[in-house]
Amino acid sequence: MSAPTRPALDFQAAFAARVRGMTASAIREILKVTQQPDVISFAGGLPAPELFPLADVKAAAARVLDTYGPAALQYSTTEGHPPLREWIAAQSGIPAQNVQIVTGSQQGLDLLGKILISEGDTVLVEAPTYLGALQSFQPYLPNYVQLPTDEGGIDVDALEGILKTTRAKLLYAVPNFQNPTGRTLSVERRRRLVELTAEHGVLVIEDDPYGALRFSGEALPSLYALGLELAGDVDRNHVIYSSSFSKTLVPGLRDAWVQAARPIIQKLIMAKQGADLHTPTLNQMIITELLPILPRQIEIVKQAYGERAQHMMARIAADFPGGVDHTVPEGGMFLWVTLPHGIDTQAMLPRAVERKVAYVPGSPFYALGGGENTMRLSYCTATPAQIETGIKALGDTIREALD
């Protein structure tokens, strides 16, 4: 006797409306194409693995297990390992209760989206902005408004006009060595942005994974610090700060944090309990054990990235055709290249890969479209020889596209 015929299950109909529009990361899809062993890739946003403090991590892990024993492998509090939270809080002069440990800053963005964004809420983002933030917020169905940017970061005059005509809920920004452009928001614009958003009751998420990696220029106050100065009270600060140990120590331990007013942290705790209970105990303890070497490690990374950035910019000047512009980062991991209008870097990518070089086209970094003639280059993982060969090949590809 044959089994009764069952109707085919429609998985698409089973998905929640909020995720039906989700797409795979454009960058991750590009990396699948470009990660051939003979392709020089300027596409990934990966820290340089040869700079990881491997011996220190091994020793720290051994000390943690010797000191804490089974407790290092046990469940722990949602808020995070107390000594780690206390150290983070001390860097900003705030109470530890205003710090939440998260499993990578990407989780922090997702949880912030979950607790702050309702369907239809207006979220202001830079044009271009970090693609991962757009992906984190998109399931909560925001209405994006793009903020114009230039070499000094967000155009705050444009922001003022938008705030007068738009009922915004949230502004997301990467003020230091922005991903994807490498630009830094000037101190004057930082102050005005904080004042304008406070005046209009708009929350600010400051995403700062690269701030410690400044290899030229002078450090600028964070939006969070300026918000605290304006509010005079940590629990009245409208700026939410997110950062990570991924770019300064190692990314694989997935340790990051959010610091914010206590009402925000309380909701984050509840959201994180439903997501993963807590960030892995062992990983938090290892990071805490590594904190004494953090200043030394930051100097190593800054020097290496600064040298690689300078080398890439020198080769761009030598090998790219006229009419091509690029940003001049003072830190971080990226620079941004703008080609003449009419050149589509997405369409040009296969020709670059044929020449054994890869980059990330700029258009995925725009919430509402744009940037077809732009690209992001990362200098972090390339050797000097790879930079020379890769930039020469990319210059030849651009010349071909211009002809």
Protein backbone atom coordinates (compact mmCIF):
# COMPACT_ATOMS: atom_id res chain seq x y z
CA MET A 1 0.00 0.00 0.00
CA SER A 2 1.52 3.29 -1.06
CA ALA A 3 1.79 6.21 1.30
CA PRO A 4 -0.74 9.01 0.76
CA THR A 5 0.48 11.88 -1.36
CA ARG A 6 1.29 14.94 0.68
CA PRO A 7 1.33 18.47 -0.65
CA ALA A 8 4.78 19.95 -1.11
CA LEU A 9 5.80 22.14 1.79
CA ASP A 10 6.15 25.78 0.78
CA PHE A 11 9.14 26.91 2.84
CA GLN A 12 8.94 30.44 1.46
CA ALA A 13 5.43 30.82 2.82
CA ALA A 14 6.65 29.56 6.19
CA PHE A 15 9.19 32.34 6.62
CA ALA A 16 8.27 35.34 8.75
CA ALA A 17 7.52 38.48 6.77
CA ARG A 18 10.41 40.29 8.43
CA VAL A 19 13.00 37.88 6.96
CA ARG A 20 11.60 37.32 3.48
CA GLY A 21 13.59 40.26 2.15
CA MET A 22 16.86 39.14 3.75
CA THR A 23 19.76 38.57 1.37
CA ALA A 24 23.20 37.07 1.80
CA SER A 25 26.06 39.45 2.51
CA ALA A 26 27.28 40.85 -0.79
CA ILE A 27 30.80 40.87 0.59
CA ARG A 28 30.65 37.22 1.71
CA GLU A 29 29.36 36.21 -1.72
CA ILE A 30 32.17 38.16 -3.40
CA LEU A 31 34.73 36.50 -1.13
CA LYS A 32 33.57 33.08 -2.33
CA VAL A 33 34.52 34.11 -5.86
CA THR A 34 37.76 35.85 -4.98
CA GLN A 35 39.24 33.37 -2.50
CA GLN A 36 41.10 31.45 -5.15
CA PRO A 37 44.65 30.75 -3.97
CA ASP A 38 46.25 32.76 -6.78
CA VAL A 39 44.00 35.83 -6.45
CA ILE A 40 45.38 38.81 -4.54
CA SER A 41 42.39 39.92 -2.49
CA PHE A 42 41.91 43.45 -1.21
CA ALA A 43 38.26 42.50 -0.60
CA GLY A 44 38.13 41.01 2.89
CA GLY A 45 37.80 43.01 6.07
CA LEU A 46 39.93 40.53 7.97
CA PRO A 47 42.65 41.42 10.48
CA ALA A 48 46.15 40.26 9.56
CA PRO A 49 46.50 36.74 11.05
CA GLU A 50 50.30 36.89 11.25
CA LEU A 51 49.88 39.67 13.84
CA PHE A 52 47.70 37.62 16.19
CA PRO A 53 49.43 37.16 19.59
CA LEU A 54 49.25 33.38 19.34
CA ALA A 55 51.75 32.57 22.08
CA ASP A 56 50.05 35.00 24.46
CA VAL A 57 46.64 33.48 23.73
CA LYS A 58 47.96 29.97 24.40
CA ALA A 59 49.50 31.06 27.69
CA ALA A 60 46.39 33.03 28.70
CA ALA A 61 44.12 30.04 28.02
CA ALA A 62 46.35 27.80 30.14
CA ARG A 63 46.38 30.31 33.02
CA VAL A 64 42.60 30.68 32.89
CA LEU A 65 42.03 26.93 33.05
CA ASP A 66 44.60 26.51 35.82
CA THR A 67 43.08 29.38 37.83
CA TYR A 68 39.35 28.87 37.31
CA GLY A 69 39.14 25.17 36.48
CA PRO A 70 35.62 23.97 35.62
CA ALA A 71 34.18 27.44 36.29
CA ALA A 72 35.82 28.62 33.04
CA LEU A 73 33.70 26.07 31.18
CA GLN A 74 30.45 26.71 33.03
CA TYR A 75 27.47 28.93 32.23
CA SER A 76 27.90 32.49 33.47
CA THR A 77 25.95 35.72 33.83
CA THR A 78 24.34 37.34 30.81
CA GLU A 79 25.91 40.72 31.54
CA GLY A 80 29.42 39.35 31.14
CA HIS A 81 32.55 38.43 33.11
CA PRO A 82 32.72 41.04 35.91
CA PRO A 83 36.48 41.80 35.68
CA LEU A 84 36.15 42.37 31.92
CA ARG A 85 33.15 44.66 32.32
CA GLU A 86 34.94 46.59 35.05
CA TRP A 87 38.02 47.10 32.87
CA ILE A 88 35.92 48.31 29.92
CA ALA A 89 33.90 50.64 32.14
CA ALA A 90 37.06 52.14 33.63
CA GLN A 91 38.27 53.20 30.17
CA SER A 92 35.29 55.57 29.91
CA GLY A 93 34.93 56.38 33.61
CA ILE A 94 31.48 54.83 33.88
CA PRO A 95 29.95 52.15 36.15
CA ALA A 96 30.29 48.53 35.07
CA GLN A 97 26.49 48.23 35.16
CA ASN A 98 26.44 50.34 31.99
CA VAL A 99 28.45 47.73 30.04
CA GLN A 100 27.07 44.63 28.33
CA ILE A 101 29.40 41.99 26.85
CA VAL A 102 28.19 40.66 23.49
CA THR A 103 29.32 37.88 21.18
CA GLY A 104 30.99 40.06 18.58
CA SER A 105 29.88 43.59 17.80
CA GLN A 106 27.65 42.14 15.08
CA GLN A 107 25.50 40.60 17.81
CA GLY A 108 25.45 43.93 19.58
CA LEU A 109 24.05 45.61 16.47
CA ASP A 110 21.44 42.88 16.03
CA LEU A 111 20.30 43.13 19.65
CA LEU A 112 20.16 46.92 19.47
CA GLY A 113 18.05 46.63 16.35
CA LYS A 114 15.77 44.18 18.13
CA ILE A 115 15.14 46.42 21.14
CA LEU A 116 15.05 49.79 19.37
CA ILE A 117 13.65 49.44 15.84
CA SER A 118 9.97 48.89 15.10
CA GLU A 119 8.64 48.41 11.59
CA GLY A 120 8.67 51.73 9.77
CA ASP A 121 10.99 53.54 12.20
CA THR A 122 13.31 55.98 10.46
CA VAL A 123 16.98 55.07 10.83
CA LEU A 124 19.61 57.52 9.58
CA VAL A 125 22.73 55.96 8.07
CA GLU A 126 25.81 57.29 6.32
CA ALA A 127 26.02 56.99 2.55
CA PRO A 128 27.96 54.72 2.32
CA THR A 129 27.79 52.78 5.58
CA TYR A 130 28.82 49.46 7.11
CA LEU A 131 26.97 46.70 5.26
CA GLY A 132 26.82 44.48 8.35
CA ALA A 133 24.78 47.09 10.20
CA LEU A 134 22.27 47.26 7.36
CA GLN A 135 21.96 43.47 7.52
CA SER A 136 21.52 43.53 11.30
CA PHE A 137 18.80 46.17 11.23
CA GLN A 138 16.92 45.04 8.10
CA PRO A 139 14.88 42.22 9.74
CA TYR A 140 13.29 44.86 11.99
CA LEU A 141 11.99 46.64 8.86
CA PRO A 142 13.33 50.18 9.29
CA ASN A 143 12.86 53.06 6.89
CA TYR A 144 16.40 54.10 5.97
CA VAL A 145 17.36 57.69 5.22
CA GLN A 146 20.86 58.19 3.82
CA LEU A 147 23.06 60.99 5.17
CA PRO A 148 25.39 62.66 2.65
CA THR A 149 29.09 62.39 3.47
CA ASP A 150 32.33 63.96 2.30
CA GLU A 151 35.99 63.81 3.34
CA GLY A 152 35.07 65.07 6.82
CA GLY A 153 32.40 62.41 7.34
CA ILE A 154 28.69 63.10 7.76
CA ASP A 155 27.50 66.42 6.34
CA VAL A 156 25.98 67.86 9.52
CA ASP A 157 24.30 70.73 7.66
CA ALA A 158 22.40 68.12 5.67
CA LEU A 159 21.73 66.22 8.90
CA GLU A 160 20.21 69.33 10.45
CA GLY A 161 17.87 69.73 7.50
CA ILE A 162 16.85 66.08 7.60
CA LEU A 163 16.15 66.22 11.33
CA LYS A 164 13.86 69.21 10.80
CA THR A 165 11.76 67.37 8.24
CA THR A 166 12.04 63.72 9.32
CA ARG A 167 10.92 62.07 12.53
CA ALA A 168 14.01 59.92 13.02
CA LYS A 169 14.32 57.26 15.71
CA LEU A 170 17.99 56.37 15.43
CA LEU A 171 21.26 57.43 13.80
CA TYR A 172 23.98 54.85 13.13
CA ALA A 173 27.54 56.01 12.47
CA VAL A 174 31.13 54.76 12.32
CA PRO A 175 33.05 57.96 13.14
CA ASN A 176 36.60 56.54 13.24
CA PHE A 177 38.22 55.20 10.04
CA GLN A 178 34.82 54.27 8.72
CA ASN A 179 34.04 50.99 7.07
CA PRO A 180 33.98 51.22 4.06
CA THR A 181 35.59 54.61 3.34
CA GLY A 182 38.32 54.94 5.97
CA ARG A 183 37.12 58.49 6.69
CA THR A 184 37.06 60.06 10.14
CA LEU A 185 34.34 62.41 11.36
CA SER A 186 35.91 65.73 12.35
CA VAL A 187 35.68 66.88 15.96
CA GLU A 188 33.57 69.91 15.04
CA ARG A 189 31.07 67.70 13.25
CA ARG A 190 31.06 65.23 16.13
CA ARG A 191 30.02 67.93 18.57
CA ARG A 192 27.32 69.24 16.28
CA LEU A 193 25.99 65.77 15.51
CA VAL A 194 25.69 64.99 19.22
CA GLU A 195 23.98 68.32 19.92
CA LEU A 196 21.56 68.03 16.98
CA THR A 197 20.51 64.48 17.78
CA ALA A 198 20.04 65.32 21.46
CA GLU A 199 17.94 68.34 20.51
CA HIS A 200 15.68 66.21 18.31
CA GLY A 201 15.50 63.20 20.64
CA VAL A 202 17.32 60.84 18.27
CA LEU A 203 19.36 57.97 19.69
CA VAL A 204 22.86 57.48 18.25
CA ILE A 205 24.67 54.16 17.84
CA GLU A 206 28.41 54.81 17.62
CA ASP A 207 30.14 51.77 16.12
CA ASP A 208 33.85 52.00 16.93
CA PRO A 209 35.75 48.78 16.19
CA TYR A 210 38.71 50.63 14.62
CA GLY A 211 39.19 53.60 16.96
CA ALA A 212 42.30 52.19 18.66
CA LEU A 213 44.01 51.62 15.30
CA ARG A 214 45.04 55.22 14.59
CA PHE A 215 48.40 55.33 12.82
CA SER A 216 48.49 59.07 12.02
CA GLY A 217 46.89 62.24 13.33
CA GLU A 218 45.49 62.85 16.79
CA ALA A 219 42.81 60.93 18.67
CA LEU A 220 39.37 62.56 18.75
CA PRO A 221 36.71 62.33 21.47
CA SER A 222 34.10 59.65 20.92
CA LEU A 223 30.49 60.56 20.28
CA TYR A 224 29.75 58.69 23.49
CA ALA A 225 32.12 60.91 25.50
CA LEU A 226 30.60 64.03 23.95
CA GLY A 227 27.11 62.75 24.70
CA LEU A 228 28.10 62.08 28.31
CA GLU A 229 29.56 65.58 28.55
CA LEU A 230 26.34 67.07 27.21
CA ALA A 231 24.01 64.97 29.37
CA GLY A 232 26.07 65.15 32.56
CA ASP A 233 24.75 61.72 33.56
CA VAL A 234 25.66 58.30 32.17
CA ASP A 235 22.02 57.22 32.30
CA ARG A 236 20.82 60.25 30.33
CA ASN A 237 23.37 59.88 27.52
CA HIS A 238 21.57 59.39 24.19
CA VAL A 239 24.69 57.91 22.54
CA ILE A 240 25.17 54.13 22.59
CA TYR A 241 28.75 52.94 22.11
CA SER A 242 29.79 49.64 20.52
CA SER A 243 33.31 48.26 20.23
CA SER A 244 35.22 45.01 20.02
CA PHE A 245 38.46 43.16 20.71
CA SER A 246 38.34 41.58 17.24
CA LYS A 247 40.49 44.18 15.48
CA THR A 248 42.96 44.74 18.33
CA LEU A 249 43.48 41.22 19.73
CA VAL A 250 41.82 38.33 17.86
CA PRO A 251 38.46 38.05 16.08
CA GLY A 252 37.84 34.36 16.70
CA LEU A 253 37.03 34.75 20.40
CA ARG A 254 34.06 36.98 19.44
CA ASP A 255 34.26 39.32 22.42
CA ALA A 256 32.77 42.79 22.12
CA TRP A 257 30.69 45.16 24.19
CA VAL A 258 27.98 47.81 24.26
CA GLN A 259 27.99 50.66 26.75
CA ALA A 260 24.86 52.73 27.19
CA ALA A 261 22.35 54.24 29.59
CA ARG A 262 21.06 51.71 32.10
CA PRO A 263 17.56 51.43 30.55
CA ILE A 264 19.18 50.38 27.24
CA ILE A 265 21.45 47.87 28.98
CA GLN A 266 18.53 46.34 30.88
CA LYS A 267 16.67 45.63 27.64
CA LEU A 268 19.88 44.33 26.02
CA ILE A 269 20.28 41.83 28.86
CA MET A 270 16.78 40.49 28.23
CA ALA A 271 17.34 40.31 24.47
CA LYS A 272 20.68 38.54 24.90
CA GLN A 273 19.18 36.00 27.28
CA GLY A 274 16.85 34.98 24.47
CA ALA A 275 19.67 34.95 21.91
CA ASP A 276 22.53 32.97 23.50
CA LEU A 277 22.28 33.34 27.30
CA HIS A 278 25.80 34.77 27.50
CA THR A 279 29.04 35.19 25.58
CA PRO A 280 31.27 32.11 26.14
CA THR A 281 32.77 32.17 29.62
CA LEU A 282 36.17 30.83 28.60
CA ASN A 283 36.54 33.38 25.80
CA GLN A 284 35.77 36.28 28.13
CA MET A 285 38.27 35.04 30.68
CA ILE A 286 40.98 34.65 28.04
CA ILE A 287 40.40 38.20 26.78
CA THR A 288 40.57 39.49 30.37
CA GLU A 289 43.86 37.66 30.85
CA LEU A 290 45.19 39.30 27.65
CA LEU A 291 44.38 42.87 28.69
CA PRO A 292 47.93 43.57 30.00
CA ILE A 293 49.37 42.97 26.51
CA LEU A 294 46.69 45.02 24.71
CA PRO A 295 48.71 48.28 24.51
CA ARG A 296 51.69 46.44 23.02
CA GLN A 297 49.48 44.55 20.59
CA ILE A 298 47.74 47.72 19.42
CA GLU A 299 51.11 49.31 18.64
CA ILE A 300 52.14 46.27 16.59
CA VAL A 301 48.92 46.34 14.57
CA LYS A 302 48.97 50.12 14.07
CA GLN A 303 52.52 50.10 12.75
CA ALA A 304 51.85 47.26 10.33
CA TYR A 305 48.60 48.71 8.99
CA GLY A 306 50.08 52.18 8.69
CA GLU A 307 52.97 50.89 6.59
CA ARG A 308 50.65 48.84 4.38
CA ALA A 309 48.25 51.74 3.88
CA GLN A 310 51.08 54.06 2.86
CA HIS A 311 52.45 51.48 0.46
CA MET A 312 49.06 50.93 -1.14
CA MET A 313 48.47 54.67 -1.59
CA ALA A 314 51.93 55.08 -3.13
CA ARG A 315 51.23 52.30 -5.62
CA ILE A 316 47.81 53.78 -6.44
CA ALA A 317 49.49 57.09 -7.23
CA ALA A 318 51.94 55.29 -9.51
CA ASP A 319 49.68 52.75 -11.22
CA PHE A 320 46.11 54.08 -11.37
CA PRO A 321 45.02 56.27 -14.29
CA GLY A 322 44.11 59.93 -13.89
CA GLY A 323 40.61 60.79 -12.74
CA VAL A 324 40.63 58.19 -9.97
CA ASP A 325 40.37 59.47 -6.38
CA HIS A 326 40.87 57.73 -3.05
CA THR A 327 40.52 58.54 0.62
CA VAL A 328 43.56 58.93 2.88
CA PRO A 329 42.82 56.98 6.08
CA GLU A 330 44.48 57.94 9.36
CA GLY A 331 43.85 54.49 10.78
CA GLY A 332 41.71 51.41 10.48
CA MET A 333 41.69 48.88 7.67
CA PHE A 334 40.22 50.41 4.50
CA LEU A 335 40.47 53.03 1.82
CA TRP A 336 37.80 54.02 -0.69
CA VAL A 337 38.37 54.50 -4.40
CA THR A 338 36.11 56.59 -6.63
CA LEU A 339 36.29 56.09 -10.40
CA PRO A 340 34.87 58.42 -13.06
CA HIS A 341 31.08 58.30 -13.41
CA GLY A 342 29.90 55.66 -15.84
CA ILE A 343 32.27 52.96 -14.58
CA ASP A 344 30.41 50.15 -12.80
CA THR A 345 32.76 48.43 -10.36
CA GLN A 346 30.36 45.51 -9.91
CA ALA A 347 30.50 44.79 -13.64
CA MET A 348 34.27 45.36 -13.66
CA LEU A 349 35.00 42.84 -10.89
CA PRO A 350 35.11 39.68 -13.08
CA ARG A 351 37.71 41.36 -15.30
CA ALA A 352 39.78 42.19 -12.23
CA VAL A 353 39.56 38.59 -11.01
CA GLU A 354 40.76 37.45 -14.43
CA ARG A 355 43.86 39.56 -13.68
CA LYS A 356 44.08 37.83 -10.27
CA VAL A 357 43.06 40.77 -8.10
CA ALA A 358 39.86 41.40 -6.14
CA TYR A 359 38.07 44.23 -4.34
CA VAL A 360 34.59 44.95 -2.98
CA PRO A 361 32.31 47.04 -5.23
CA GLY A 362 30.90 50.07 -3.42
CA SER A 363 27.19 49.83 -4.16
CA PRO A 364 26.30 47.25 -1.43
CA PHE A 365 27.36 49.80 1.20
CA TYR A 366 24.50 52.14 0.24
CA ALA A 367 21.18 51.50 1.98
CA LEU A 368 19.17 53.03 -0.86
CA GLY A 369 21.47 52.57 -3.84
CA GLY A 370 24.38 54.54 -5.25
CA GLY A 371 28.14 54.27 -5.40
CA GLU A 372 28.27 52.21 -8.59
CA ASN A 373 31.62 53.81 -9.49
CA THR A 374 33.28 53.13 -6.12
CA MET A 375 35.19 50.29 -4.47
CA ARG A 376 36.59 49.38 -1.07
CA LEU A 377 40.18 48.20 -0.72
CA SER A 378 41.65 46.61 2.40
CA TYR A 379 45.42 46.79 2.88
CA CYS A 380 45.62 44.71 6.07
CA THR A 381 46.40 41.19 4.90
CA ALA A 382 48.51 41.93 1.81
CA THR A 383 52.32 41.79 1.66
CA PRO A 384 54.24 44.64 -0.02
CA ALA A 385 54.79 42.44 -3.07
CA GLN A 386 51.09 41.57 -3.25
CA ILE A 387 50.16 45.25 -2.98
CA GLU A 388 52.49 46.12 -5.85
CA THR A 389 51.28 43.31 -8.10
CA GLY A 390 47.61 43.68 -7.17
CA ILE A 391 47.41 47.46 -7.55
CA LYS A 392 49.20 47.26 -10.91
CA ALA A 393 46.66 44.66 -12.11
CA LEU A 394 43.77 46.73 -10.77
CA GLY A 395 45.11 49.84 -12.50
CA ASP A 396 45.23 47.93 -15.79
CA THR A 397 41.64 46.78 -15.24
CA ILE A 398 40.47 50.35 -14.62
CA ARG A 399 42.26 51.59 -17.75
CA GLU A 400 40.52 48.91 -19.78
CA ALA A 401 37.14 49.98 -18.36
CA LEU A 402 37.86 53.62 -19.21
CA ASP A 403 38.73 52.85 -22.84
